[in-house]
Amino acid sequence: MDSWDPEADRRTLESVHAGPFEIRAGDRVRLRPRGRADILDIALAGMAATVEAVEQDFDGRVYLAVTVDDDPGKDLGRLRQPGHRFFFAPEDVEPLAGGT
């Protein structure tokens, strides 16, 4: 059996529109989760983050992979390590002034 590489199957996009804003990798955003689906939504609400990637799942839903600016392990998030990279829908963030 050949080894499976999940990164090879990952769908990335150049950018996504969230309301009147265009968001792309490198942009800084404020996390404003609307659904409050889990404890991380509550814990991360209001925090500043950097968009690491705009990704699309197999069902066509678009997510922003972000690292939280105040996370001392954010370097691990940039390396796509678990626990330091978080996913939010485009409507759950607002761009910060200054962008990238």
PDB file of N, CA and C in Angstrom:
ATOM      1  N   MET A   1       0.845  -1.181   0.000  1.00  0.00           N
ATOM      2  CA  MET A   1       0.000   0.000   0.000  1.00  0.00           C
ATOM      3  C   MET A   1       0.889   1.244   0.000  1.00  0.00           C
ATOM      4  N   ASP A   2       0.584   2.184  -0.859  1.00  0.00           N
ATOM      5  CA  ASP A   2       1.306   3.451  -0.884  1.00  0.00           C
ATOM      6  C   ASP A   2       0.900   4.286   0.328  1.00  0.00           C
ATOM      7  N   SER A   3       1.821   5.112   0.799  1.00  0.00           N
ATOM      8  CA  SER A   3       1.486   5.974   1.927  1.00  0.00           C
ATOM      9  C   SER A   3       0.558   7.097   1.464  1.00  0.00           C
ATOM     10  N   TRP A   4      -0.313   7.492   2.343  1.00  0.00           N
ATOM     11  CA  TRP A   4      -1.283   8.541   2.043  1.00  0.00           C
ATOM     12  C   TRP A   4      -0.751   9.864   2.558  1.00  0.00           C
ATOM     13  N   ASP A   5      -0.767  10.879   1.735  1.00  0.00           N
ATOM     14  CA  ASP A   5      -0.298  12.201   2.113  1.00  0.00           C
ATOM     15  C   ASP A   5      -1.495  13.145   2.150  1.00  0.00           C
ATOM     16  N   PRO A   6      -2.009  13.462   3.363  1.00  0.00           N
ATOM     17  CA  PRO A   6      -3.192  14.331   3.432  1.00  0.00           C
ATOM     18  C   PRO A   6      -2.936  15.722   2.877  1.00  0.00           C
ATOM     19  N   GLU A   7      -1.701  16.195   2.913  1.00  0.00           N
ATOM     20  CA  GLU A   7      -1.391  17.516   2.367  1.00  0.00           C
ATOM     21  C   GLU A   7      -1.559  17.548   0.848  1.00  0.00           C
ATOM     22  N   ALA A   8      -1.339  16.414   0.197  1.00  0.00           N
ATOM     23  CA  ALA A   8      -1.483  16.354  -1.257  1.00  0.00           C
ATOM     24  C   ALA A   8      -2.951  16.488  -1.665  1.00  0.00           C
ATOM     25  N   ASP A   9      -3.869  16.062  -0.767  1.00  0.00           N
ATOM     26  CA  ASP A   9      -5.296  16.126  -1.054  1.00  0.00           C
ATOM     27  C   ASP A   9      -5.944  17.431  -0.593  1.00  0.00           C
ATOM     28  N   ARG A  10      -5.195  18.261   0.105  1.00  0.00           N
ATOM     29  CA  ARG A  10      -5.753  19.491   0.650  1.00  0.00           C
ATOM     30  C   ARG A  10      -6.016  20.498  -0.474  1.00  0.00           C
ATOM     31  N   ARG A  11      -7.194  21.099  -0.437  1.00  0.00           N
ATOM     32  CA  ARG A  11      -7.567  22.110  -1.420  1.00  0.00           C
ATOM     33  C   ARG A  11      -7.332  23.488  -0.817  1.00  0.00           C
ATOM     34  N   THR A  12      -6.438  24.245  -1.398  1.00  0.00           N
ATOM     35  CA  THR A  12      -6.192  25.601  -0.910  1.00  0.00           C
ATOM     36  C   THR A  12      -6.669  26.607  -1.948  1.00  0.00           C
ATOM     37  N   LEU A  13      -7.105  27.735  -1.450  1.00  0.00           N
ATOM     38  CA  LEU A  13      -7.590  28.811  -2.298  1.00  0.00           C
ATOM     39  C   LEU A  13      -6.691  30.027  -2.107  1.00  0.00           C
ATOM     40  N   GLU A  14      -6.664  30.881  -3.085  1.00  0.00           N
ATOM     41  CA  GLU A  14      -5.869  32.115  -3.008  1.00  0.00           C
ATOM     42  C   GLU A  14      -6.467  33.083  -1.998  1.00  0.00           C
ATOM     43  N   SER A  15      -7.802  33.233  -2.031  1.00  0.00           N
ATOM     44  CA  SER A  15      -8.487  34.172  -1.137  1.00  0.00           C
ATOM     45  C   SER A  15      -9.955  33.791  -1.044  1.00  0.00           C
ATOM     46  N   VAL A  16     -10.656  34.462  -0.126  1.00  0.00           N
ATOM     47  CA  VAL A  16     -12.093  34.268   0.035  1.00  0.00           C
ATOM     48  C   VAL A  16     -12.694  35.617   0.423  1.00  0.00           C
ATOM     49  N   HIS A  17     -13.932  35.837   0.011  1.00  0.00           N
ATOM     50  CA  HIS A  17     -14.630  37.062   0.383  1.00  0.00           C
ATOM     51  C   HIS A  17     -15.466  36.808   1.627  1.00  0.00           C
ATOM     52  N   ALA A  18     -15.358  37.722   2.576  1.00  0.00           N
ATOM     53  CA  ALA A  18     -16.168  37.696   3.796  1.00  0.00           C
ATOM     54  C   ALA A  18     -16.847  39.052   3.873  1.00  0.00           C
ATOM     55  N   GLY A  19     -18.092  39.108   3.437  1.00  0.00           N
ATOM     56  CA  GLY A  19     -18.770  40.393   3.337  1.00  0.00           C
ATOM     57  C   GLY A  19     -18.059  41.243   2.304  1.00  0.00           C
ATOM     58  N   PRO A  20     -17.733  42.481   2.637  1.00  0.00           N
ATOM     59  CA  PRO A  20     -17.058  43.357   1.677  1.00  0.00           C
ATOM     60  C   PRO A  20     -15.533  43.165   1.633  1.00  0.00           C
ATOM     61  N   PHE A  21     -15.028  42.247   2.464  1.00  0.00           N
ATOM     62  CA  PHE A  21     -13.581  42.081   2.580  1.00  0.00           C
ATOM     63  C   PHE A  21     -13.083  40.852   1.831  1.00  0.00           C
ATOM     64  N   GLU A  22     -11.880  40.952   1.320  1.00  0.00           N
ATOM     65  CA  GLU A  22     -11.192  39.801   0.744  1.00  0.00           C
ATOM     66  C   GLU A  22     -10.113  39.394   1.743  1.00  0.00           C
ATOM     67  N   ILE A  23     -10.090  38.106   2.085  1.00  0.00           N
ATOM     68  CA  ILE A  23      -9.138  37.595   3.072  1.00  0.00           C
ATOM     69  C   ILE A  23      -8.241  36.584   2.391  1.00  0.00           C
ATOM     70  N   ARG A  24      -6.935  36.693   2.674  1.00  0.00           N
ATOM     71  CA  ARG A  24      -5.954  35.770   2.096  1.00  0.00           C
ATOM     72  C   ARG A  24      -4.921  35.422   3.147  1.00  0.00           C
ATOM     73  N   ALA A  25      -4.093  34.421   2.848  1.00  0.00           N
ATOM     74  CA  ALA A  25      -3.026  34.017   3.754  1.00  0.00           C
ATOM     75  C   ALA A  25      -2.137  35.211   4.063  1.00  0.00           C
ATOM     76  N   GLY A  26      -1.759  35.353   5.326  1.00  0.00           N
ATOM     77  CA  GLY A  26      -0.926  36.460   5.775  1.00  0.00           C
ATOM     78  C   GLY A  26      -1.711  37.600   6.389  1.00  0.00           C
ATOM     79  N   ASP A  27      -3.024  37.672   6.124  1.00  0.00           N
ATOM     80  CA  ASP A  27      -3.845  38.736   6.696  1.00  0.00           C
ATOM     81  C   ASP A  27      -4.041  38.502   8.187  1.00  0.00           C
ATOM     82  N   ARG A  28      -4.104  39.613   8.920  1.00  0.00           N
ATOM     83  CA  ARG A  28      -4.400  39.548  10.348  1.00  0.00           C
ATOM     84  C   ARG A  28      -5.887  39.794  10.525  1.00  0.00           C
ATOM     85  N   VAL A  29      -6.493  39.010  11.426  1.00  0.00           N
ATOM     86  CA  VAL A  29      -7.931  39.069  11.647  1.00  0.00           C
ATOM     87  C   VAL A  29      -8.223  39.027  13.150  1.00  0.00           C
ATOM     88  N   ARG A  30      -9.432  39.452  13.511  1.00  0.00           N
ATOM     89  CA  ARG A  30      -9.952  39.301  14.859  1.00  0.00           C
ATOM     90  C   ARG A  30     -10.963  38.163  14.811  1.00  0.00           C
ATOM     91  N   LEU A  31     -10.845  37.216  15.741  1.00  0.00           N
ATOM     92  CA  LEU A  31     -11.750  36.059  15.774  1.00  0.00           C
ATOM     93  C   LEU A  31     -13.068  36.453  16.429  1.00  0.00           C
ATOM     94  N   ARG A  32     -14.150  36.266  15.698  1.00  0.00           N
ATOM     95  CA  ARG A  32     -15.502  36.587  16.159  1.00  0.00           C
ATOM     96  C   ARG A  32     -16.440  35.422  15.851  1.00  0.00           C
ATOM     97  N   PRO A  33     -16.213  34.255  16.475  1.00  0.00           N
ATOM     98  CA  PRO A  33     -17.066  33.100  16.166  1.00  0.00           C
ATOM     99  C   PRO A  33     -18.519  33.361  16.520  1.00  0.00           C
ATOM    100  N   ARG A  34     -19.394  33.032  15.597  1.00  0.00           N
ATOM    101  CA  ARG A  34     -20.823  33.297  15.776  1.00  0.00           C
ATOM    102  C   ARG A  34     -21.576  32.106  16.346  1.00  0.00           C
ATOM    103  N   GLY A  35     -21.128  30.892  16.006  1.00  0.00           N
ATOM    104  CA  GLY A  35     -21.884  29.714  16.392  1.00  0.00           C
ATOM    105  C   GLY A  35     -21.709  29.278  17.819  1.00  0.00           C
ATOM    106  N   ARG A  36     -20.569  29.632  18.449  1.00  0.00           N
ATOM    107  CA  ARG A  36     -20.273  29.170  19.805  1.00  0.00           C
ATOM    108  C   ARG A  36     -20.465  27.662  19.901  1.00  0.00           C
ATOM    109  N   ALA A  37     -19.888  26.952  18.922  1.00  0.00           N
ATOM    110  CA  ALA A  37     -20.071  25.505  18.815  1.00  0.00           C
ATOM    111  C   ALA A  37     -19.300  24.735  19.878  1.00  0.00           C
ATOM    112  N   ASP A  38     -18.183  25.278  20.347  1.00  0.00           N
ATOM    113  CA  ASP A  38     -17.407  24.541  21.337  1.00  0.00           C
ATOM    114  C   ASP A  38     -16.634  25.504  22.233  1.00  0.00           C
ATOM    115  N   ILE A  39     -15.894  24.957  23.194  1.00  0.00           N
ATOM    116  CA  ILE A  39     -15.171  25.763  24.171  1.00  0.00           C
ATOM    117  C   ILE A  39     -14.101  26.628  23.508  1.00  0.00           C
ATOM    118  N   LEU A  40     -13.516  26.162  22.409  1.00  0.00           N
ATOM    119  CA  LEU A  40     -12.492  26.966  21.732  1.00  0.00           C
ATOM    120  C   LEU A  40     -13.080  28.235  21.134  1.00  0.00           C
ATOM    121  N   ASP A  41     -14.322  28.174  20.671  1.00  0.00           N
ATOM    122  CA  ASP A  41     -14.966  29.385  20.165  1.00  0.00           C
ATOM    123  C   ASP A  41     -15.024  30.443  21.263  1.00  0.00           C
ATOM    124  N   ILE A  42     -15.380  30.025  22.474  1.00  0.00           N
ATOM    125  CA  ILE A  42     -15.480  30.962  23.592  1.00  0.00           C
ATOM    126  C   ILE A  42     -14.092  31.439  24.010  1.00  0.00           C
ATOM    127  N   ALA A  43     -13.135  30.524  24.098  1.00  0.00           N
ATOM    128  CA  ALA A  43     -11.781  30.870  24.559  1.00  0.00           C
ATOM    129  C   ALA A  43     -11.045  31.783  23.581  1.00  0.00           C
ATOM    130  N   LEU A  44     -11.268  31.620  22.289  1.00  0.00           N
ATOM    131  CA  LEU A  44     -10.529  32.380  21.285  1.00  0.00           C
ATOM    132  C   LEU A  44     -11.254  33.633  20.810  1.00  0.00           C
ATOM    133  N   ALA A  45     -12.504  33.815  21.209  1.00  0.00           N
ATOM    134  CA  ALA A  45     -13.282  34.975  20.764  1.00  0.00           C
ATOM    135  C   ALA A  45     -12.573  36.273  21.140  1.00  0.00           C
ATOM    136  N   GLY A  46     -12.450  37.160  20.168  1.00  0.00           N
ATOM    137  CA  GLY A  46     -11.842  38.463  20.370  1.00  0.00           C
ATOM    138  C   GLY A  46     -10.335  38.502  20.175  1.00  0.00           C
ATOM    139  N   MET A  47      -9.707  37.354  20.012  1.00  0.00           N
ATOM    140  CA  MET A  47      -8.250  37.319  19.866  1.00  0.00           C
ATOM    141  C   MET A  47      -7.830  37.669  18.439  1.00  0.00           C
ATOM    142  N   ALA A  48      -6.642  38.236  18.334  1.00  0.00           N
ATOM    143  CA  ALA A  48      -6.061  38.529  17.025  1.00  0.00           C
ATOM    144  C   ALA A  48      -5.353  37.277  16.524  1.00  0.00           C
ATOM    145  N   ALA A  49      -5.430  37.049  15.220  1.00  0.00           N
ATOM    146  CA  ALA A  49      -4.827  35.862  14.617  1.00  0.00           C
ATOM    147  C   ALA A  49      -4.313  36.218  13.226  1.00  0.00           C
ATOM    148  N   THR A  50      -3.474  35.329  12.707  1.00  0.00           N
ATOM    149  CA  THR A  50      -2.950  35.480  11.352  1.00  0.00           C
ATOM    150  C   THR A  50      -3.449  34.321  10.510  1.00  0.00           C
ATOM    151  N   VAL A  51      -3.982  34.630   9.343  1.00  0.00           N
ATOM    152  CA  VAL A  51      -4.472  33.589   8.436  1.00  0.00           C
ATOM    153  C   VAL A  51      -3.267  32.890   7.817  1.00  0.00           C
ATOM    154  N   GLU A  52      -3.171  31.591   8.018  1.00  0.00           N
ATOM    155  CA  GLU A  52      -2.081  30.797   7.455  1.00  0.00           C
ATOM    156  C   GLU A  52      -2.464  30.217   6.096  1.00  0.00           C
ATOM    157  N   ALA A  53      -3.758  29.935   5.910  1.00  0.00           N
ATOM    158  CA  ALA A  53      -4.212  29.367   4.633  1.00  0.00           C
ATOM    159  C   ALA A  53      -5.718  29.523   4.515  1.00  0.00           C
ATOM    160  N   VAL A  54      -6.192  29.570   3.292  1.00  0.00           N
ATOM    161  CA  VAL A  54      -7.620  29.509   2.976  1.00  0.00           C
ATOM    162  C   VAL A  54      -7.821  28.135   2.357  1.00  0.00           C
ATOM    163  N   GLU A  55      -8.614  27.298   3.023  1.00  0.00           N
ATOM    164  CA  GLU A  55      -8.768  25.905   2.594  1.00  0.00           C
ATOM    165  C   GLU A  55     -10.219  25.562   2.329  1.00  0.00           C
ATOM    166  N   GLN A  56     -10.406  24.553   1.505  1.00  0.00           N
ATOM    167  CA  GLN A  56     -11.747  24.104   1.135  1.00  0.00           C
ATOM    168  C   GLN A  56     -11.829  22.617   1.400  1.00  0.00           C
ATOM    169  N   ASP A  57     -12.910  22.179   2.086  1.00  0.00           N
ATOM    170  CA  ASP A  57     -13.056  20.747   2.337  1.00  0.00           C
ATOM    171  C   ASP A  57     -13.699  20.059   1.132  1.00  0.00           C
ATOM    172  N   PHE A  58     -13.871  18.763   1.232  1.00  0.00           N
ATOM    173  CA  PHE A  58     -14.388  17.995   0.101  1.00  0.00           C
ATOM    174  C   PHE A  58     -15.850  18.292  -0.218  1.00  0.00           C
ATOM    175  N   ASP A  59     -16.553  18.931   0.740  1.00  0.00           N
ATOM    176  CA  ASP A  59     -17.943  19.319   0.504  1.00  0.00           C
ATOM    177  C   ASP A  59     -18.063  20.743  -0.024  1.00  0.00           C
ATOM    178  N   GLY A  60     -16.917  21.405  -0.250  1.00  0.00           N
ATOM    179  CA  GLY A  60     -16.922  22.749  -0.798  1.00  0.00           C
ATOM    180  C   GLY A  60     -16.957  23.860   0.231  1.00  0.00           C
ATOM    181  N   ARG A  61     -16.999  23.526   1.538  1.00  0.00           N
ATOM    182  CA  ARG A  61     -16.991  24.558   2.574  1.00  0.00           C
ATOM    183  C   ARG A  61     -15.592  25.157   2.686  1.00  0.00           C
ATOM    184  N   VAL A  62     -15.542  26.472   2.880  1.00  0.00           N
ATOM    185  CA  VAL A  62     -14.269  27.186   2.962  1.00  0.00           C
ATOM    186  C   VAL A  62     -13.969  27.519   4.421  1.00  0.00           C
ATOM    187  N   TYR A  63     -12.724  27.323   4.808  1.00  0.00           N
ATOM    188  CA  TYR A  63     -12.260  27.611   6.167  1.00  0.00           C
ATOM    189  C   TYR A  63     -10.976  28.418   6.111  1.00  0.00           C
ATOM    190  N   LEU A  64     -10.774  29.207   7.149  1.00  0.00           N
ATOM    191  CA  LEU A  64      -9.520  29.914   7.320  1.00  0.00           C
ATOM    192  C   LEU A  64      -8.723  29.181   8.388  1.00  0.00           C
ATOM    193  N   ALA A  65      -7.532  28.741   8.043  1.00  0.00           N
ATOM    194  CA  ALA A  65      -6.625  28.148   9.023  1.00  0.00           C
ATOM    195  C   ALA A  65      -5.831  29.301   9.616  1.00  0.00           C
ATOM    196  N   VAL A  66      -5.922  29.486  10.940  1.00  0.00           N
ATOM    197  CA  VAL A  66      -5.270  30.623  11.580  1.00  0.00           C
ATOM    198  C   VAL A  66      -4.365  30.179  12.715  1.00  0.00           C
ATOM    199  N   THR A  67      -3.394  31.006  13.026  1.00  0.00           N
ATOM    200  CA  THR A  67      -2.612  30.874  14.255  1.00  0.00           C
ATOM    201  C   THR A  67      -2.905  32.116  15.084  1.00  0.00           C
ATOM    202  N   VAL A  68      -3.074  31.905  16.380  1.00  0.00           N
ATOM    203  CA  VAL A  68      -3.398  32.997  17.294  1.00  0.00           C
ATOM    204  C   VAL A  68      -2.118  33.756  17.624  1.00  0.00           C
ATOM    205  N   ASP A  69      -2.157  35.071  17.485  1.00  0.00           N
ATOM    206  CA  ASP A  69      -0.959  35.896  17.658  1.00  0.00           C
ATOM    207  C   ASP A  69      -0.338  35.749  19.045  1.00  0.00           C
ATOM    208  N   ASP A  70      -1.150  35.589  20.100  1.00  0.00           N
ATOM    209  CA  ASP A  70      -0.640  35.487  21.471  1.00  0.00           C
ATOM    210  C   ASP A  70      -0.230  34.072  21.873  1.00  0.00           C
ATOM    211  N   ASP A  71      -0.377  33.108  20.994  1.00  0.00           N
ATOM    212  CA  ASP A  71      -0.030  31.715  21.310  1.00  0.00           C
ATOM    213  C   ASP A  71       1.488  31.544  21.268  1.00  0.00           C
ATOM    214  N   PRO A  72       2.115  31.174  22.399  1.00  0.00           N
ATOM    215  CA  PRO A  72       3.566  30.985  22.372  1.00  0.00           C
ATOM    216  C   PRO A  72       3.994  29.834  21.459  1.00  0.00           C
ATOM    217  N   GLY A  73       3.069  28.961  21.097  1.00  0.00           N
ATOM    218  CA  GLY A  73       3.373  27.850  20.193  1.00  0.00           C
ATOM    219  C   GLY A  73       2.930  28.094  18.768  1.00  0.00           C
ATOM    220  N   LYS A  74       2.702  29.368  18.394  1.00  0.00           N
ATOM    221  CA  LYS A  74       2.189  29.644  17.045  1.00  0.00           C
ATOM    222  C   LYS A  74       3.142  29.173  15.954  1.00  0.00           C
ATOM    223  N   ASP A  75       4.430  29.059  16.260  1.00  0.00           N
ATOM    224  CA  ASP A  75       5.365  28.510  15.272  1.00  0.00           C
ATOM    225  C   ASP A  75       5.000  27.077  14.915  1.00  0.00           C
ATOM    226  N   LEU A  76       4.484  26.329  15.896  1.00  0.00           N
ATOM    227  CA  LEU A  76       4.030  24.960  15.622  1.00  0.00           C
ATOM    228  C   LEU A  76       2.814  24.975  14.702  1.00  0.00           C
ATOM    229  N   GLY A  77       1.952  25.970  14.855  1.00  0.00           N
ATOM    230  CA  GLY A  77       0.797  26.107  13.971  1.00  0.00           C
ATOM    231  C   GLY A  77       1.218  26.364  12.543  1.00  0.00           C
ATOM    232  N   ARG A  78       2.270  27.165  12.367  1.00  0.00           N
ATOM    233  CA  ARG A  78       2.770  27.427  11.013  1.00  0.00           C
ATOM    234  C   ARG A  78       3.334  26.152  10.388  1.00  0.00           C
ATOM    235  N   LEU A  79       3.771  25.232  11.230  1.00  0.00           N
ATOM    236  CA  LEU A  79       4.278  23.945  10.744  1.00  0.00           C
ATOM    237  C   LEU A  79       3.154  22.905  10.606  1.00  0.00           C
ATOM    238  N   ARG A  80       1.905  23.375  10.789  1.00  0.00           N
ATOM    239  CA  ARG A  80       0.703  22.538  10.667  1.00  0.00           C
ATOM    240  C   ARG A  80       0.631  21.448  11.726  1.00  0.00           C
ATOM    241  N   GLN A  81       1.129  21.770  12.924  1.00  0.00           N
ATOM    242  CA  GLN A  81       1.060  20.846  14.041  1.00  0.00           C
ATOM    243  C   GLN A  81      -0.279  21.012  14.750  1.00  0.00           C
ATOM    244  N   PRO A  82      -0.827  19.914  15.265  1.00  0.00           N
ATOM    245  CA  PRO A  82      -2.119  20.003  15.958  1.00  0.00           C
ATOM    246  C   PRO A  82      -2.031  20.850  17.227  1.00  0.00           C
ATOM    247  N   GLY A  83      -3.135  21.465  17.573  1.00  0.00           N
ATOM    248  CA  GLY A  83      -3.235  22.218  18.806  1.00  0.00           C
ATOM    249  C   GLY A  83      -2.822  23.670  18.704  1.00  0.00           C
ATOM    250  N   HIS A  84      -2.236  24.078  17.602  1.00  0.00           N
ATOM    251  CA  HIS A  84      -1.799  25.464  17.463  1.00  0.00           C
ATOM    252  C   HIS A  84      -2.262  26.074  16.151  1.00  0.00           C
ATOM    253  N   ARG A  85      -3.158  25.390  15.489  1.00  0.00           N
ATOM    254  CA  ARG A  85      -3.721  25.846  14.216  1.00  0.00           C
ATOM    255  C   ARG A  85      -5.215  25.640  14.317  1.00  0.00           C
ATOM    256  N   PHE A  86      -5.975  26.691  14.100  1.00  0.00           N
ATOM    257  CA  PHE A  86      -7.414  26.638  14.317  1.00  0.00           C
ATOM    258  C   PHE A  86      -8.141  26.996  13.026  1.00  0.00           C
ATOM    259  N   PHE A  87      -9.357  26.502  12.885  1.00  0.00           N
ATOM    260  CA  PHE A  87     -10.132  26.700  11.657  1.00  0.00           C
ATOM    261  C   PHE A  87     -11.409  27.457  11.968  1.00  0.00           C
ATOM    262  N   PHE A  88     -11.636  28.499  11.178  1.00  0.00           N
ATOM    263  CA  PHE A  88     -12.830  29.320  11.325  1.00  0.00           C
ATOM    264  C   PHE A  88     -13.440  29.574   9.957  1.00  0.00           C
ATOM    265  N   ALA A  89     -14.758  29.725   9.942  1.00  0.00           N
ATOM    266  CA  ALA A  89     -15.445  30.112   8.709  1.00  0.00           C
ATOM    267  C   ALA A  89     -15.126  31.578   8.426  1.00  0.00           C
ATOM    268  N   PRO A  90     -15.120  31.974   7.166  1.00  0.00           N
ATOM    269  CA  PRO A  90     -14.818  33.373   6.832  1.00  0.00           C
ATOM    270  C   PRO A  90     -15.709  34.385   7.558  1.00  0.00           C
ATOM    271  N   GLU A  91     -16.966  34.032   7.809  1.00  0.00           N
ATOM    272  CA  GLU A  91     -17.864  34.968   8.488  1.00  0.00           C
ATOM    273  C   GLU A  91     -17.592  35.049   9.991  1.00  0.00           C
ATOM    274  N   ASP A  92     -16.675  34.234  10.513  1.00  0.00           N
ATOM    275  CA  ASP A  92     -16.341  34.243  11.937  1.00  0.00           C
ATOM    276  C   ASP A  92     -15.092  35.070  12.246  1.00  0.00           C
ATOM    277  N   VAL A  93     -14.635  35.846  11.282  1.00  0.00           N
ATOM    278  CA  VAL A  93     -13.479  36.718  11.510  1.00  0.00           C
ATOM    279  C   VAL A  93     -13.770  38.097  10.943  1.00  0.00           C
ATOM    280  N   GLU A  94     -13.038  39.088  11.438  1.00  0.00           N
ATOM    281  CA  GLU A  94     -13.093  40.423  10.848  1.00  0.00           C
ATOM    282  C   GLU A  94     -11.650  40.871  10.611  1.00  0.00           C
ATOM    283  N   PRO A  95     -11.377  41.446   9.471  1.00  0.00           N
ATOM    284  CA  PRO A  95     -10.018  41.897   9.165  1.00  0.00           C
ATOM    285  C   PRO A  95      -9.572  42.990  10.141  1.00  0.00           C
ATOM    286  N   LEU A  96      -8.311  42.938  10.512  1.00  0.00           N
ATOM    287  CA  LEU A  96      -7.725  43.993  11.330  1.00  0.00           C
ATOM    288  C   LEU A  96      -7.122  45.059  10.427  1.00  0.00           C
ATOM    289  N   ALA A  97      -7.091  46.265  10.886  1.00  0.00           N
ATOM    290  CA  ALA A  97      -6.488  47.351  10.130  1.00  0.00           C
ATOM    291  C   ALA A  97      -5.033  47.025   9.845  1.00  0.00           C
ATOM    292  N   GLY A  98      -4.586  47.300   8.672  1.00  0.00           N
ATOM    293  CA  GLY A  98      -3.202  47.028   8.295  1.00  0.00           C
ATOM    294  C   GLY A  98      -3.048  45.741   7.536  1.00  0.00           C
ATOM    295  N   GLY A  99      -4.038  44.848   7.576  1.00  0.00           N
ATOM    296  CA  GLY A  99      -3.973  43.599   6.788  1.00  0.00           C
ATOM    297  C   GLY A  99      -2.781  42.757   7.119  1.00  0.00           C
ATOM    298  N   THR A 100      -1.889  42.525   6.154  1.00  0.00           N
ATOM    299  CA  THR A 100      -0.760  41.629   6.349  1.00  0.00           C
ATOM    300  C   THR A 100       0.323  42.263   7.172  1.00  0.00           C
TER     301      THR A 100
END
